[in-house]
Structures are given as C-alpha cells and as structure tokens.
Amino acid sequence: MTERGLRRRLVGTVVSNRMNKTALVLVERLTKHRTYNKYVKRRVKYMAHDPQNLCQIGDKVRIIESRPLSKRKRWHVIERINIVV
C-alpha cells in the first residue's frame, strides 16, 4: 500500500482529445448477466488529465484514480500503451 492508499487503475482507449489537457477514455469490461448467464460488454467513459496533451484518438492508455480536478475529471493518464500514428 502506498502513501495515498490503493487507487484504481484501468486500461482504455482514447475517443476524444478536443479538450485542453483532458482526454476522454472509453473503458470496456465484460460482466455476466444475472438471469441469462451471458457475458455482456459494459462501457464507461472517463475524463482523464493529460498535462502535455500527448494522447491521440485511438491510443490505448492506462489511467489511475486521483483527487477531483474538476466537476467530472477524477483520473490521470499515467502511460500510453499502444500509440496510434
């Protein structure tokens, strides 16, 4: 456990980078439906802080939970895994 405690880390794809120092990251996960026992894709979009504006649309990034930076922004981009040219 670090000084800041355990913080969630997620991997997702950048779907928008139009905002200054912010990237919109789409995270997909599979969950099992209770009744039908079928796996269903669930998608959530997170606004993540990108201080150098390095993220491009289509990049695969790792984000980490942080303190609130604005009304909807509570995540930081910590690394770009797959870079789209």
PDB file of N, CA and C in Angstrom:
ATOM      1  N   MET A   1       0.846  -1.187   0.000  1.00  0.00           N
ATOM      2  CA  MET A   1       0.000   0.000   0.000  1.00  0.00           C
ATOM      3  C   MET A   1       0.885   1.243   0.000  1.00  0.00           C
ATOM      4  N   THR A   2       0.571   2.201  -0.857  1.00  0.00           N
ATOM      5  CA  THR A   2       1.365   3.415  -0.963  1.00  0.00           C
ATOM      6  C   THR A   2       0.869   4.463   0.023  1.00  0.00           C
ATOM      7  N   GLU A   3       1.522   5.619   0.018  1.00  0.00           N
ATOM      8  CA  GLU A   3       1.123   6.703   0.921  1.00  0.00           C
ATOM      9  C   GLU A   3      -0.304   7.169   0.645  1.00  0.00           C
ATOM     10  N   ARG A   4      -0.700   7.165  -0.618  1.00  0.00           N
ATOM     11  CA  ARG A   4      -2.034   7.645  -0.988  1.00  0.00           C
ATOM     12  C   ARG A   4      -3.087   6.552  -0.901  1.00  0.00           C
ATOM     13  N   GLY A   5      -2.698   5.356  -0.531  1.00  0.00           N
ATOM     14  CA  GLY A   5      -3.659   4.274  -0.463  1.00  0.00           C
ATOM     15  C   GLY A   5      -3.792   3.582  -1.800  1.00  0.00           C
ATOM     16  N   LEU A   6      -4.682   2.636  -1.864  1.00  0.00           N
ATOM     17  CA  LEU A   6      -4.897   1.902  -3.105  1.00  0.00           C
ATOM     18  C   LEU A   6      -5.789   2.711  -4.035  1.00  0.00           C
ATOM     19  N   ARG A   7      -5.302   2.931  -5.249  1.00  0.00           N
ATOM     20  CA  ARG A   7      -6.077   3.671  -6.238  1.00  0.00           C
ATOM     21  C   ARG A   7      -6.340   2.768  -7.428  1.00  0.00           C
ATOM     22  N   ARG A   8      -7.549   2.865  -7.976  1.00  0.00           N
ATOM     23  CA  ARG A   8      -7.913   2.019  -9.110  1.00  0.00           C
ATOM     24  C   ARG A   8      -7.105   2.392 -10.346  1.00  0.00           C
ATOM     25  N   ARG A   9      -6.747   1.378 -11.126  1.00  0.00           N
ATOM     26  CA  ARG A   9      -6.068   1.571 -12.404  1.00  0.00           C
ATOM     27  C   ARG A   9      -6.892   0.876 -13.472  1.00  0.00           C
ATOM     28  N   LEU A  10      -7.101   1.553 -14.592  1.00  0.00           N
ATOM     29  CA  LEU A  10      -7.888   0.997 -15.686  1.00  0.00           C
ATOM     30  C   LEU A  10      -7.144   1.186 -17.002  1.00  0.00           C
ATOM     31  N   VAL A  11      -7.483   0.367 -17.982  1.00  0.00           N
ATOM     32  CA  VAL A  11      -6.920   0.486 -19.323  1.00  0.00           C
ATOM     33  C   VAL A  11      -8.071   0.751 -20.281  1.00  0.00           C
ATOM     34  N   GLY A  12      -7.896   1.754 -21.147  1.00  0.00           N
ATOM     35  CA  GLY A  12      -8.957   2.098 -22.084  1.00  0.00           C
ATOM     36  C   GLY A  12      -8.410   2.737 -23.342  1.00  0.00           C
ATOM     37  N   THR A  13      -9.316   3.148 -24.213  1.00  0.00           N
ATOM     38  CA  THR A  13      -8.974   3.746 -25.498  1.00  0.00           C
ATOM     39  C   THR A  13      -9.417   5.201 -25.519  1.00  0.00           C
ATOM     40  N   VAL A  14      -8.556   6.074 -26.027  1.00  0.00           N
ATOM     41  CA  VAL A  14      -8.888   7.499 -26.129  1.00  0.00           C
ATOM     42  C   VAL A  14      -9.877   7.682 -27.278  1.00  0.00           C
ATOM     43  N   VAL A  15     -11.040   8.275 -26.977  1.00  0.00           N
ATOM     44  CA  VAL A  15     -12.054   8.512 -28.007  1.00  0.00           C
ATOM     45  C   VAL A  15     -12.194   9.994 -28.347  1.00  0.00           C
ATOM     46  N   SER A  16     -11.644  10.880 -27.509  1.00  0.00           N
ATOM     47  CA  SER A  16     -11.686  12.312 -27.801  1.00  0.00           C
ATOM     48  C   SER A  16     -10.529  13.001 -27.093  1.00  0.00           C
ATOM     49  N   ASN A  17      -9.925  13.981 -27.776  1.00  0.00           N
ATOM     50  CA  ASN A  17      -8.856  14.776 -27.168  1.00  0.00           C
ATOM     51  C   ASN A  17      -9.041  16.254 -27.482  1.00  0.00           C
ATOM     52  N   ARG A  18     -10.276  16.672 -27.698  1.00  0.00           N
ATOM     53  CA  ARG A  18     -10.559  18.050 -28.090  1.00  0.00           C
ATOM     54  C   ARG A  18     -10.378  19.048 -26.949  1.00  0.00           C
ATOM     55  N   MET A  19     -10.489  18.580 -25.716  1.00  0.00           N
ATOM     56  CA  MET A  19     -10.379  19.477 -24.574  1.00  0.00           C
ATOM     57  C   MET A  19      -8.912  19.693 -24.216  1.00  0.00           C
ATOM     58  N   ASN A  20      -8.593  20.864 -23.705  1.00  0.00           N
ATOM     59  CA  ASN A  20      -7.222  21.178 -23.334  1.00  0.00           C
ATOM     60  C   ASN A  20      -6.831  20.396 -22.086  1.00  0.00           C
ATOM     61  N   LYS A  21      -5.738  19.631 -22.183  1.00  0.00           N
ATOM     62  CA  LYS A  21      -5.190  18.840 -21.073  1.00  0.00           C
ATOM     63  C   LYS A  21      -6.155  17.778 -20.552  1.00  0.00           C
ATOM     64  N   THR A  22      -7.073  17.331 -21.396  1.00  0.00           N
ATOM     65  CA  THR A  22      -8.045  16.309 -20.993  1.00  0.00           C
ATOM     66  C   THR A  22      -8.251  15.333 -22.140  1.00  0.00           C
ATOM     67  N   ALA A  23      -8.332  14.051 -21.795  1.00  0.00           N
ATOM     68  CA  ALA A  23      -8.635  13.010 -22.780  1.00  0.00           C
ATOM     69  C   ALA A  23      -9.858  12.246 -22.298  1.00  0.00           C
ATOM     70  N   LEU A  24     -10.749  11.914 -23.220  1.00  0.00           N
ATOM     71  CA  LEU A  24     -11.919  11.108 -22.897  1.00  0.00           C
ATOM     72  C   LEU A  24     -11.562   9.656 -23.206  1.00  0.00           C
ATOM     73  N   VAL A  25     -11.579   8.815 -22.157  1.00  0.00           N
ATOM     74  CA  VAL A  25     -11.114   7.434 -22.273  1.00  0.00           C
ATOM     75  C   VAL A  25     -12.299   6.487 -22.125  1.00  0.00           C
ATOM     76  N   LEU A  26     -12.459   5.579 -23.096  1.00  0.00           N
ATOM     77  CA  LEU A  26     -13.520   4.577 -23.081  1.00  0.00           C
ATOM     78  C   LEU A  26     -12.953   3.279 -22.518  1.00  0.00           C
ATOM     79  N   VAL A  27     -13.566   2.799 -21.421  1.00  0.00           N
ATOM     80  CA  VAL A  27     -13.138   1.556 -20.779  1.00  0.00           C
ATOM     81  C   VAL A  27     -14.244   0.524 -20.967  1.00  0.00           C
ATOM     82  N   GLU A  28     -13.875  -0.629 -21.527  1.00  0.00           N
ATOM     83  CA  GLU A  28     -14.834  -1.714 -21.732  1.00  0.00           C
ATOM     84  C   GLU A  28     -14.535  -2.843 -20.758  1.00  0.00           C
ATOM     85  N   ARG A  29     -15.593  -3.463 -20.241  1.00  0.00           N
ATOM     86  CA  ARG A  29     -15.419  -4.618 -19.365  1.00  0.00           C
ATOM     87  C   ARG A  29     -16.544  -5.603 -19.644  1.00  0.00           C
ATOM     88  N   LEU A  30     -16.298  -6.868 -19.353  1.00  0.00           N
ATOM     89  CA  LEU A  30     -17.302  -7.911 -19.540  1.00  0.00           C
ATOM     90  C   LEU A  30     -17.916  -8.259 -18.196  1.00  0.00           C
ATOM     91  N   THR A  31     -19.242  -8.289 -18.143  1.00  0.00           N
ATOM     92  CA  THR A  31     -19.941  -8.713 -16.933  1.00  0.00           C
ATOM     93  C   THR A  31     -20.931  -9.802 -17.310  1.00  0.00           C
ATOM     94  N   LYS A  32     -21.203 -10.663 -16.372  1.00  0.00           N
ATOM     95  CA  LYS A  32     -22.125 -11.756 -16.609  1.00  0.00           C
ATOM     96  C   LYS A  32     -23.532 -11.313 -16.223  1.00  0.00           C
ATOM     97  N   HIS A  33     -24.490 -11.515 -17.125  1.00  0.00           N
ATOM     98  CA  HIS A  33     -25.876 -11.167 -16.856  1.00  0.00           C
ATOM     99  C   HIS A  33     -26.435 -12.125 -15.813  1.00  0.00           C
ATOM    100  N   ARG A  34     -27.139 -11.577 -14.815  1.00  0.00           N
ATOM    101  CA  ARG A  34     -27.627 -12.411 -13.706  1.00  0.00           C
ATOM    102  C   ARG A  34     -28.617 -13.482 -14.148  1.00  0.00           C
ATOM    103  N   THR A  35     -29.569 -13.102 -14.979  1.00  0.00           N
ATOM    104  CA  THR A  35     -30.627 -14.032 -15.372  1.00  0.00           C
ATOM    105  C   THR A  35     -30.195 -14.965 -16.495  1.00  0.00           C
ATOM    106  N   TYR A  36     -29.581 -14.401 -17.529  1.00  0.00           N
ATOM    107  CA  TYR A  36     -29.307 -15.174 -18.736  1.00  0.00           C
ATOM    108  C   TYR A  36     -27.916 -15.804 -18.759  1.00  0.00           C
ATOM    109  N   ASN A  37     -27.063 -15.469 -17.793  1.00  0.00           N
ATOM    110  CA  ASN A  37     -25.697 -16.006 -17.711  1.00  0.00           C
ATOM    111  C   ASN A  37     -24.896 -15.790 -18.996  1.00  0.00           C
ATOM    112  N   LYS A  38     -25.210 -14.717 -19.677  1.00  0.00           N
ATOM    113  CA  LYS A  38     -24.499 -14.362 -20.894  1.00  0.00           C
ATOM    114  C   LYS A  38     -23.565 -13.201 -20.573  1.00  0.00           C
ATOM    115  N   TYR A  39     -22.376 -13.189 -21.182  1.00  0.00           N
ATOM    116  CA  TYR A  39     -21.445 -12.096 -20.949  1.00  0.00           C
ATOM    117  C   TYR A  39     -21.836 -10.899 -21.802  1.00  0.00           C
ATOM    118  N   VAL A  40     -21.912  -9.735 -21.160  1.00  0.00           N
ATOM    119  CA  VAL A  40     -22.348  -8.503 -21.809  1.00  0.00           C
ATOM    120  C   VAL A  40     -21.240  -7.469 -21.666  1.00  0.00           C
ATOM    121  N   LYS A  41     -20.975  -6.717 -22.755  1.00  0.00           N
ATOM    122  CA  LYS A  41     -19.981  -5.648 -22.696  1.00  0.00           C
ATOM    123  C   LYS A  41     -20.579  -4.433 -22.016  1.00  0.00           C
ATOM    124  N   ARG A  42     -19.876  -3.902 -21.061  1.00  0.00           N
ATOM    125  CA  ARG A  42     -20.263  -2.651 -20.411  1.00  0.00           C
ATOM    126  C   ARG A  42     -19.201  -1.616 -20.751  1.00  0.00           C
ATOM    127  N   ARG A  43     -19.643  -0.404 -21.104  1.00  0.00           N
ATOM    128  CA  ARG A  43     -18.720   0.658 -21.486  1.00  0.00           C
ATOM    129  C   ARG A  43     -18.932   1.867 -20.591  1.00  0.00           C
ATOM    130  N   VAL A  44     -17.825   2.471 -20.175  1.00  0.00           N
ATOM    131  CA  VAL A  44     -17.867   3.680 -19.361  1.00  0.00           C
ATOM    132  C   VAL A  44     -16.824   4.643 -19.921  1.00  0.00           C
ATOM    133  N   LYS A  45     -17.178   5.929 -19.991  1.00  0.00           N
ATOM    134  CA  LYS A  45     -16.231   6.946 -20.446  1.00  0.00           C
ATOM    135  C   LYS A  45     -15.754   7.749 -19.243  1.00  0.00           C
ATOM    136  N   TYR A  46     -14.441   7.912 -19.135  1.00  0.00           N
ATOM    137  CA  TYR A  46     -13.840   8.686 -18.055  1.00  0.00           C
ATOM    138  C   TYR A  46     -13.068   9.852 -18.649  1.00  0.00           C
ATOM    139  N   MET A  47     -13.149  11.013 -17.999  1.00  0.00           N
ATOM    140  CA  MET A  47     -12.314  12.140 -18.374  1.00  0.00           C
ATOM    141  C   MET A  47     -11.024  12.031 -17.576  1.00  0.00           C
ATOM    142  N   ALA A  48      -9.896  12.047 -18.277  1.00  0.00           N
ATOM    143  CA  ALA A  48      -8.602  11.866 -17.627  1.00  0.00           C
ATOM    144  C   ALA A  48      -7.697  13.050 -17.929  1.00  0.00           C
ATOM    145  N   HIS A  49      -6.895  13.438 -16.934  1.00  0.00           N
ATOM    146  CA  HIS A  49      -5.975  14.564 -17.065  1.00  0.00           C
ATOM    147  C   HIS A  49      -4.762  14.140 -17.888  1.00  0.00           C
ATOM    148  N   ASP A  50      -4.475  14.902 -18.940  1.00  0.00           N
ATOM    149  CA  ASP A  50      -3.338  14.654 -19.831  1.00  0.00           C
ATOM    150  C   ASP A  50      -2.540  15.950 -19.911  1.00  0.00           C
ATOM    151  N   PRO A  51      -1.596  16.186 -18.978  1.00  0.00           N
ATOM    152  CA  PRO A  51      -0.958  17.503 -18.853  1.00  0.00           C
ATOM    153  C   PRO A  51      -0.211  17.993 -20.093  1.00  0.00           C
ATOM    154  N   GLN A  52       0.405  17.095 -20.868  1.00  0.00           N
ATOM    155  CA  GLN A  52       1.165  17.534 -22.045  1.00  0.00           C
ATOM    156  C   GLN A  52       0.376  17.414 -23.347  1.00  0.00           C
ATOM    157  N   ASN A  53      -0.897  17.054 -23.288  1.00  0.00           N
ATOM    158  CA  ASN A  53      -1.728  16.863 -24.485  1.00  0.00           C
ATOM    159  C   ASN A  53      -1.089  15.885 -25.471  1.00  0.00           C
ATOM    160  N   LEU A  54      -0.564  14.762 -24.970  1.00  0.00           N
ATOM    161  CA  LEU A  54       0.109  13.776 -25.814  1.00  0.00           C
ATOM    162  C   LEU A  54      -0.844  12.758 -26.422  1.00  0.00           C
ATOM    163  N   CYS A  55      -1.972  12.505 -25.794  1.00  0.00           N
ATOM    164  CA  CYS A  55      -2.885  11.445 -26.233  1.00  0.00           C
ATOM    165  C   CYS A  55      -3.543  11.797 -27.559  1.00  0.00           C
ATOM    166  N   GLN A  56      -3.572  10.800 -28.453  1.00  0.00           N
ATOM    167  CA  GLN A  56      -4.254  10.923 -29.734  1.00  0.00           C
ATOM    168  C   GLN A  56      -5.435   9.959 -29.751  1.00  0.00           C
ATOM    169  N   ILE A  57      -6.416  10.229 -30.597  1.00  0.00           N
ATOM    170  CA  ILE A  57      -7.584   9.348 -30.703  1.00  0.00           C
ATOM    171  C   ILE A  57      -7.122   7.970 -31.168  1.00  0.00           C
ATOM    172  N   GLY A  58      -7.566   6.936 -30.459  1.00  0.00           N
ATOM    173  CA  GLY A  58      -7.193   5.565 -30.784  1.00  0.00           C
ATOM    174  C   GLY A  58      -6.083   5.010 -29.917  1.00  0.00           C
ATOM    175  N   ASP A  59      -5.365   5.863 -29.178  1.00  0.00           N
ATOM    176  CA  ASP A  59      -4.305   5.384 -28.282  1.00  0.00           C
ATOM    177  C   ASP A  59      -4.901   4.535 -27.171  1.00  0.00           C
ATOM    178  N   LYS A  60      -4.186   3.491 -26.789  1.00  0.00           N
ATOM    179  CA  LYS A  60      -4.573   2.688 -25.632  1.00  0.00           C
ATOM    180  C   LYS A  60      -3.774   3.237 -24.456  1.00  0.00           C
ATOM    181  N   VAL A  61      -4.462   3.629 -23.370  1.00  0.00           N
ATOM    182  CA  VAL A  61      -3.797   4.280 -22.240  1.00  0.00           C
ATOM    183  C   VAL A  61      -4.167   3.605 -20.924  1.00  0.00           C
ATOM    184  N   ARG A  62      -3.293   3.797 -19.937  1.00  0.00           N
ATOM    185  CA  ARG A  62      -3.564   3.346 -18.577  1.00  0.00           C
ATOM    186  C   ARG A  62      -3.866   4.591 -17.749  1.00  0.00           C
ATOM    187  N   ILE A  63      -4.986   4.562 -17.000  1.00  0.00           N
ATOM    188  CA  ILE A  63      -5.371   5.705 -16.171  1.00  0.00           C
ATOM    189  C   ILE A  63      -5.432   5.269 -14.714  1.00  0.00           C
ATOM    190  N   ILE A  64      -5.233   6.238 -13.816  1.00  0.00           N
ATOM    191  CA  ILE A  64      -5.247   5.961 -12.385  1.00  0.00           C
ATOM    192  C   ILE A  64      -6.163   6.969 -11.703  1.00  0.00           C
ATOM    193  N   GLU A  65      -6.851   6.514 -10.686  1.00  0.00           N
ATOM    194  CA  GLU A  65      -7.785   7.358  -9.945  1.00  0.00           C
ATOM    195  C   GLU A  65      -7.013   8.417  -9.156  1.00  0.00           C
ATOM    196  N   SER A  66      -7.577   9.621  -9.044  1.00  0.00           N
ATOM    197  CA  SER A  66      -6.916  10.702  -8.309  1.00  0.00           C
ATOM    198  C   SER A  66      -7.960  11.576  -7.629  1.00  0.00           C
ATOM    199  N   ARG A  67      -7.490  12.639  -7.041  1.00  0.00           N
ATOM    200  CA  ARG A  67      -8.414  13.575  -6.401  1.00  0.00           C
ATOM    201  C   ARG A  67      -9.209  14.297  -7.489  1.00  0.00           C
ATOM    202  N   PRO A  68     -10.366  14.868  -7.152  1.00  0.00           N
ATOM    203  CA  PRO A  68     -11.148  15.594  -8.159  1.00  0.00           C
ATOM    204  C   PRO A  68     -10.394  16.814  -8.689  1.00  0.00           C
ATOM    205  N   LEU A  69     -10.288  16.916 -10.008  1.00  0.00           N
ATOM    206  CA  LEU A  69      -9.636  18.054 -10.647  1.00  0.00           C
ATOM    207  C   LEU A  69     -10.658  19.047 -11.183  1.00  0.00           C
ATOM    208  N   SER A  70     -11.862  18.566 -11.474  1.00  0.00           N
ATOM    209  CA  SER A  70     -12.965  19.417 -11.916  1.00  0.00           C
ATOM    210  C   SER A  70     -14.255  18.660 -11.644  1.00  0.00           C
ATOM    211  N   LYS A  71     -15.350  19.123 -12.224  1.00  0.00           N
ATOM    212  CA  LYS A  71     -16.644  18.500 -11.950  1.00  0.00           C
ATOM    213  C   LYS A  71     -16.669  17.024 -12.348  1.00  0.00           C
ATOM    214  N   ARG A  72     -16.093  16.674 -13.507  1.00  0.00           N
ATOM    215  CA  ARG A  72     -16.150  15.287 -13.995  1.00  0.00           C
ATOM    216  C   ARG A  72     -14.787  14.608 -14.097  1.00  0.00           C
ATOM    217  N   LYS A  73     -13.708  15.328 -13.854  1.00  0.00           N
ATOM    218  CA  LYS A  73     -12.363  14.777 -14.071  1.00  0.00           C
ATOM    219  C   LYS A  73     -11.750  14.308 -12.760  1.00  0.00           C
ATOM    220  N   ARG A  74     -11.566  12.952 -12.643  1.00  0.00           N
ATOM    221  CA  ARG A  74     -11.012  12.362 -11.430  1.00  0.00           C
ATOM    222  C   ARG A  74      -9.976  11.293 -11.738  1.00  0.00           C
ATOM    223  N   TRP A  75      -9.405  11.307 -12.933  1.00  0.00           N
ATOM    224  CA  TRP A  75      -8.440  10.308 -13.374  1.00  0.00           C
ATOM    225  C   TRP A  75      -7.249  10.997 -14.022  1.00  0.00           C
ATOM    226  N   HIS A  76      -6.076  10.348 -13.976  1.00  0.00           N
ATOM    227  CA  HIS A  76      -4.847  10.825 -14.614  1.00  0.00           C
ATOM    228  C   HIS A  76      -4.378   9.781 -15.617  1.00  0.00           C
ATOM    229  N   VAL A  77      -3.886  10.224 -16.769  1.00  0.00           N
ATOM    230  CA  VAL A  77      -3.244   9.312 -17.720  1.00  0.00           C
ATOM    231  C   VAL A  77      -1.823   9.096 -17.222  1.00  0.00           C
ATOM    232  N   ILE A  78      -1.455   7.827 -16.943  1.00  0.00           N
ATOM    233  CA  ILE A  78      -0.103   7.580 -16.442  1.00  0.00           C
ATOM    234  C   ILE A  78       0.824   7.030 -17.514  1.00  0.00           C
ATOM    235  N   GLU A  79       0.273   6.346 -18.534  1.00  0.00           N
ATOM    236  CA  GLU A  79       1.122   5.890 -19.633  1.00  0.00           C
ATOM    237  C   GLU A  79       0.281   5.578 -20.864  1.00  0.00           C
ATOM    238  N   ARG A  80       0.947   5.704 -22.024  1.00  0.00           N
ATOM    239  CA  ARG A  80       0.326   5.307 -23.285  1.00  0.00           C
ATOM    240  C   ARG A  80       0.885   3.942 -23.648  1.00  0.00           C
ATOM    241  N   ILE A  81       0.009   2.963 -23.806  1.00  0.00           N
ATOM    242  CA  ILE A  81       0.440   1.591 -24.051  1.00  0.00           C
ATOM    243  C   ILE A  81       0.657   1.358 -25.544  1.00  0.00           C
ATOM    244  N   ASN A  82      -0.368   1.554 -26.348  1.00  0.00           N
ATOM    245  CA  ASN A  82      -0.274   1.438 -27.808  1.00  0.00           C
ATOM    246  C   ASN A  82      -0.496   2.811 -28.401  1.00  0.00           C
ATOM    247  N   ILE A  83       0.474   3.286 -29.172  1.00  0.00           N
ATOM    248  CA  ILE A  83       0.396   4.625 -29.737  1.00  0.00           C
ATOM    249  C   ILE A  83      -0.023   4.523 -31.199  1.00  0.00           C
ATOM    250  N   VAL A  84      -1.064   5.259 -31.570  1.00  0.00           N
ATOM    251  CA  VAL A  84      -1.539   5.302 -32.953  1.00  0.00           C
ATOM    252  C   VAL A  84      -0.818   6.435 -33.661  1.00  0.00           C
ATOM    253  N   VAL A  85      -0.275   6.134 -34.833  1.00  0.00           N
ATOM    254  CA  VAL A  85       0.484   7.152 -35.567  1.00  0.00           C
ATOM    255  C   VAL A  85      -0.414   7.909 -36.502  1.00  0.00           C
TER     256      VAL A  85
END
